Protein backbone atom coordinates (compact mmCIF):
# COMPACT_ATOMS: atom_id res chain seq x y z
CA MET A 1 -10.84 -31.93 12.91
CA ASN A 2 -11.67 -35.58 12.32
CA LYS A 3 -9.22 -38.08 13.80
CA GLN A 4 -9.71 -40.63 11.03
CA SER A 5 -8.95 -38.15 8.25
CA LEU A 6 -6.12 -36.50 10.18
CA PHE A 7 -4.33 -39.80 10.77
CA ALA A 8 -4.82 -40.96 7.21
CA ASN A 9 -2.13 -38.39 6.37
CA ALA A 10 1.03 -40.41 5.65
CA GLU A 11 3.35 -37.59 6.73
CA ILE A 12 1.67 -37.23 10.13
CA VAL A 13 1.60 -40.99 10.70
CA ALA A 14 5.26 -41.38 9.72
CA THR A 15 6.37 -38.99 12.49
CA TYR A 16 3.70 -39.82 15.08
CA VAL A 17 5.82 -41.98 17.39
CA ASP A 18 8.63 -39.42 17.46
CA ASP A 19 6.45 -36.30 17.59
CA THR A 20 3.90 -37.27 20.24
CA PRO A 21 6.31 -37.46 23.23
CA ARG A 22 7.56 -34.01 22.26
CA LYS A 23 4.02 -32.59 22.17
CA VAL A 24 2.55 -34.23 25.29
CA PRO A 25 4.36 -33.39 28.53
CA GLY A 26 5.40 -36.50 30.46
CA LEU A 27 3.89 -38.95 27.95
CA ALA A 28 5.95 -41.91 29.19
CA ASP A 29 4.92 -41.15 32.77
CA LEU A 30 1.30 -40.76 31.65
CA HIS A 31 1.44 -44.31 30.28
CA ARG A 32 3.05 -45.56 33.50
CA MET A 33 0.39 -43.85 35.63
CA ALA A 34 -2.37 -45.33 33.46
CA ALA A 35 -0.97 -48.83 34.06
CA LEU A 36 -0.80 -48.25 37.81
CA LEU A 37 -4.36 -46.92 37.95
CA LEU A 38 -5.68 -49.88 35.95
CA LYS A 39 -3.78 -52.28 38.19
CA GLU A 40 -5.63 -51.04 41.28
CA TYR A 41 -8.64 -53.02 40.09
CA ALA A 42 -7.45 -55.35 37.33
CA LYS A 43 -6.50 -58.91 38.18
CA ARG A 44 -3.28 -60.63 37.18
CA ASP A 45 -4.71 -62.01 33.90
CA ALA A 46 -6.71 -58.88 33.06
CA GLN A 47 -8.23 -58.07 29.68
CA ILE A 48 -7.86 -54.38 28.85
CA LEU A 49 -9.69 -52.30 26.22
CA VAL A 50 -7.67 -49.53 24.54
CA VAL A 51 -9.82 -47.02 22.64
CA GLY A 52 -7.87 -44.92 20.13
CA ALA A 53 -5.11 -47.53 19.97
CA GLY A 54 -3.55 -46.39 16.69
CA GLY A 55 0.20 -46.02 16.90
CA GLY A 56 0.37 -48.57 19.69
CA MET A 57 2.32 -46.38 22.10
CA GLU A 58 0.21 -46.85 25.24
CA LEU A 59 -0.50 -50.46 24.27
CA LYS A 60 3.20 -51.25 24.17
CA ALA A 61 4.03 -49.34 27.36
CA ILE A 62 1.24 -50.88 29.44
CA ALA A 63 1.71 -54.39 28.03
CA GLU A 64 5.43 -54.32 28.77
CA SER A 65 4.73 -53.26 32.36
CA GLN A 66 2.06 -55.97 32.83
CA PRO A 67 3.27 -59.12 31.03
CA SER A 68 0.21 -61.24 31.93
CA TRP A 69 -2.43 -58.83 30.59
CA VAL A 70 -4.08 -59.16 27.16
CA PHE A 71 -5.52 -56.29 25.14
CA VAL A 72 -8.10 -55.32 22.56
CA GLY A 73 -7.23 -52.09 20.75
CA VAL A 74 -9.69 -50.23 18.53
CA ASP A 75 -9.08 -47.25 16.24
CA PRO A 76 -10.89 -45.84 13.19
CA SER A 77 -7.66 -45.28 11.25
CA ALA A 78 -6.35 -48.30 9.35
CA VAL A 79 -3.06 -46.48 8.74
CA MET A 80 -2.54 -45.88 12.46
CA LEU A 81 -3.38 -49.50 13.24
CA ASP A 82 -0.71 -50.58 10.77
CA LEU A 83 1.74 -48.36 12.66
CA ALA A 84 0.66 -50.02 15.90
CA ARG A 85 1.32 -53.47 14.45
CA ARG A 86 4.83 -52.40 13.50
CA ASN A 87 5.52 -50.92 16.93
CA LEU A 88 4.15 -53.67 19.16
CA GLY A 89 7.11 -55.98 18.66
CA SER A 90 7.23 -58.93 21.05
CA ILE A 91 3.88 -58.13 22.72
CA LYS A 92 1.82 -58.36 19.50
CA ASP A 93 0.57 -61.85 20.38
CA ARG A 94 -1.25 -60.39 23.40
CA VAL A 95 -3.04 -57.71 21.38
CA GLU A 96 -6.08 -57.87 19.10
CA LEU A 97 -6.47 -54.77 16.92
CA ILE A 98 -9.87 -53.79 15.48
CA GLU A 99 -10.58 -51.06 12.93
CA GLY A 100 -13.50 -48.83 13.88
CA THR A 101 -14.96 -47.07 16.88
CA VAL A 102 -15.71 -48.66 20.24
CA ASP A 103 -19.15 -49.62 18.88
CA VAL A 104 -17.58 -52.41 16.78
CA VAL A 105 -15.92 -54.06 19.79
CA PRO A 106 -17.90 -57.22 20.60
CA PRO A 107 -19.75 -57.12 23.94
CA HIS A 108 -17.33 -58.19 26.63
CA PHE A 109 -16.68 -57.34 30.27
CA PHE A 110 -13.17 -55.91 30.31
CA ASP A 111 -11.14 -55.43 33.48
CA GLY A 112 -10.12 -51.90 32.52
CA ALA A 113 -9.91 -49.41 29.67
CA THR A 114 -7.91 -46.45 28.44
CA CYS A 115 -8.74 -43.67 26.00
CA LEU A 116 -5.71 -41.42 25.64
CA LEU A 117 -5.29 -38.41 23.33
CA THR A 118 -8.53 -39.28 21.55
CA LEU A 119 -11.65 -37.74 23.10
CA HIS A 120 -10.67 -34.16 22.19
CA PHE A 121 -11.44 -35.05 18.55
CA LEU A 122 -15.10 -35.80 19.42
CA ASP A 123 -17.89 -33.33 20.02
CA LYS A 124 -19.86 -33.49 23.25
CA GLY A 125 -22.51 -35.88 21.98
CA GLU A 126 -19.96 -38.22 20.40
CA ARG A 127 -17.90 -38.21 23.59
CA LEU A 128 -20.87 -39.13 25.73
CA HIS A 129 -21.74 -41.95 23.35
CA THR A 130 -18.13 -43.21 23.32
CA LEU A 131 -17.82 -43.09 27.11
CA THR A 132 -21.18 -44.84 27.53
CA GLU A 133 -20.15 -47.62 25.14
CA ILE A 134 -16.84 -48.04 26.97
CA ARG A 135 -18.68 -48.32 30.29
CA ARG A 136 -21.04 -50.94 28.81
CA ARG A 137 -17.98 -53.08 28.02
CA LEU A 138 -16.43 -52.85 31.48
CA LYS A 139 -17.00 -54.98 34.54
CA PRO A 140 -18.64 -53.03 37.36
CA GLY A 141 -15.82 -51.56 39.42
CA ALA A 142 -13.35 -51.59 36.52
CA ARG A 143 -11.17 -48.56 35.98
CA LEU A 144 -11.18 -46.19 32.99
CA VAL A 145 -8.25 -43.82 32.32
CA VAL A 146 -8.70 -40.88 29.93
CA ALA A 147 -6.39 -37.99 29.00
CA HIS A 148 -6.55 -35.33 26.27
CA HIS A 149 -6.73 -31.58 25.64
CA SER A 150 -9.25 -30.06 28.05
CA VAL A 151 -9.55 -26.29 28.47
CA GLY A 152 -12.45 -23.92 28.98
CA THR A 153 -13.39 -21.50 26.20
CA ASP A 154 -12.23 -18.46 28.18
CA ASP A 155 -8.64 -19.67 28.54
CA ALA A 156 -8.31 -22.16 25.67
CA VAL A 157 -5.90 -20.18 23.51
CA ARG A 158 -3.64 -19.29 26.44
CA TRP A 159 -3.19 -22.91 27.51
CA LEU A 160 -2.98 -24.27 23.96
CA THR A 161 -0.29 -21.67 23.20
CA ARG A 162 1.71 -22.93 26.17
CA SER A 163 1.37 -26.50 24.90
CA ALA A 164 2.51 -25.38 21.46
CA MET A 165 5.52 -23.60 22.99
CA PHE A 166 6.41 -26.80 24.84
CA ALA A 167 6.21 -28.81 21.62
CA ASP A 168 8.27 -26.35 19.58
CA SER A 169 11.84 -27.48 20.10
CA VAL A 170 13.17 -25.37 17.20
CA ASP A 171 12.63 -21.65 17.74
CA HIS A 172 10.18 -21.32 20.67
CA SER A 173 8.39 -18.56 18.77
CA ARG A 174 5.58 -17.05 20.83
CA GLU A 175 3.84 -15.79 17.69
CA ARG A 176 4.00 -19.19 16.01
CA ALA A 177 2.76 -20.93 19.15
CA ALA A 178 -0.10 -18.47 19.55
CA ALA A 179 -1.18 -19.07 15.94
CA SER A 180 -1.11 -22.81 16.59
CA GLY A 181 -3.16 -22.34 19.78
CA GLU A 182 -5.75 -20.29 17.88
CA THR A 183 -6.02 -22.96 15.17
CA ILE A 184 -6.42 -25.83 17.63
CA SER A 185 -9.03 -23.93 19.65
CA ARG A 186 -11.09 -23.44 16.46
CA THR A 187 -10.77 -26.97 15.11
CA LEU A 188 -11.05 -29.16 18.20
CA PRO A 189 -14.37 -29.39 20.10
CA LEU A 190 -12.71 -28.68 23.45
CA LEU A 191 -14.55 -29.01 26.76
CA SER A 192 -13.81 -27.58 30.18
CA ALA A 193 -12.77 -29.81 33.07
CA THR A 194 -16.23 -29.37 34.62
CA GLU A 195 -17.89 -30.60 31.43
CA GLU A 196 -15.48 -33.55 31.19
CA VAL A 197 -16.34 -34.73 34.70
CA MET A 198 -20.06 -34.27 34.05
CA LEU A 199 -19.86 -36.45 30.92
CA LEU A 200 -18.08 -39.23 32.81
CA HIS A 201 -20.85 -39.22 35.41
CA GLN A 202 -23.55 -39.16 32.71
CA ALA A 203 -21.92 -42.14 30.99
CA GLY A 204 -22.17 -44.24 34.14
CA PHE A 205 -18.87 -43.70 35.92
CA GLY A 206 -18.20 -42.76 39.51
CA ASP A 207 -15.18 -41.92 41.66
CA VAL A 208 -13.97 -39.48 38.99
CA GLU A 209 -10.54 -38.14 39.93
CA LEU A 210 -8.07 -35.85 38.20
CA PHE A 211 -4.63 -37.51 38.12
CA TYR A 212 -2.77 -35.63 35.36
CA ALA A 213 -2.52 -31.97 34.36
CA ALA A 214 0.06 -30.55 31.95
CA PHE A 215 -0.60 -27.23 30.21
CA SER A 216 -3.71 -27.86 28.04
CA PHE A 217 -3.84 -31.59 28.81
CA ARG A 218 -5.89 -33.18 31.61
CA GLY A 219 -6.36 -36.79 32.64
CA TRP A 220 -9.01 -38.46 34.79
CA THR A 221 -9.58 -41.89 36.23
CA ALA A 222 -13.10 -43.17 36.86
CA THR A 223 -14.84 -46.34 38.01
CA ALA A 224 -17.53 -48.15 36.02
CA LEU A 225 -20.75 -48.30 38.01
CA HIS A 226 -23.36 -51.04 37.91
CA PRO A 227 -25.79 -50.40 35.03
């Protein structure tokens, strides 16, 4: 499942802002935690990199909580970036949006970065490359916050089914949720928590800590090491 092609679907994009909080447990609190974790390192006038910024949800939440920060958001989907522009409202003057992957972001030492609900679309090699390129654009000691689906192959369907049950506010059908879990497990290149942590270390991060766990979703914070 390719993120760019998935979020070129007008129907999915049209409902993204309403659907995502229903599908991701505690999404508003996840955004709040991300801001707090970034703030542990970032200075008052911090510059923050947001990878997978389409839709603008975390951009808006973090920017509203930190009114002196400025942001660069990057996403491969032009349609999702258009949605972000519409959703940013009064904070749009503090945000630069770029179409593409993190590779197209000009070299710059950011004070922090997020990559939320994005890495589960990338296979292991692509994830390592993305994390490495994020680290190359961070100041040593800067904080990265990531969160996405992360389940081992042995228990993937069980946890994805639970996530699907959580998201299904209509009939809570176990059979329907299980079918959804099976589909997601086949189409997303999911990694176990152990593999996720290993990739963060390989990409040049230290102090890797789990801070969020909700059914099939996991979130980690990590510190950019000196190259």
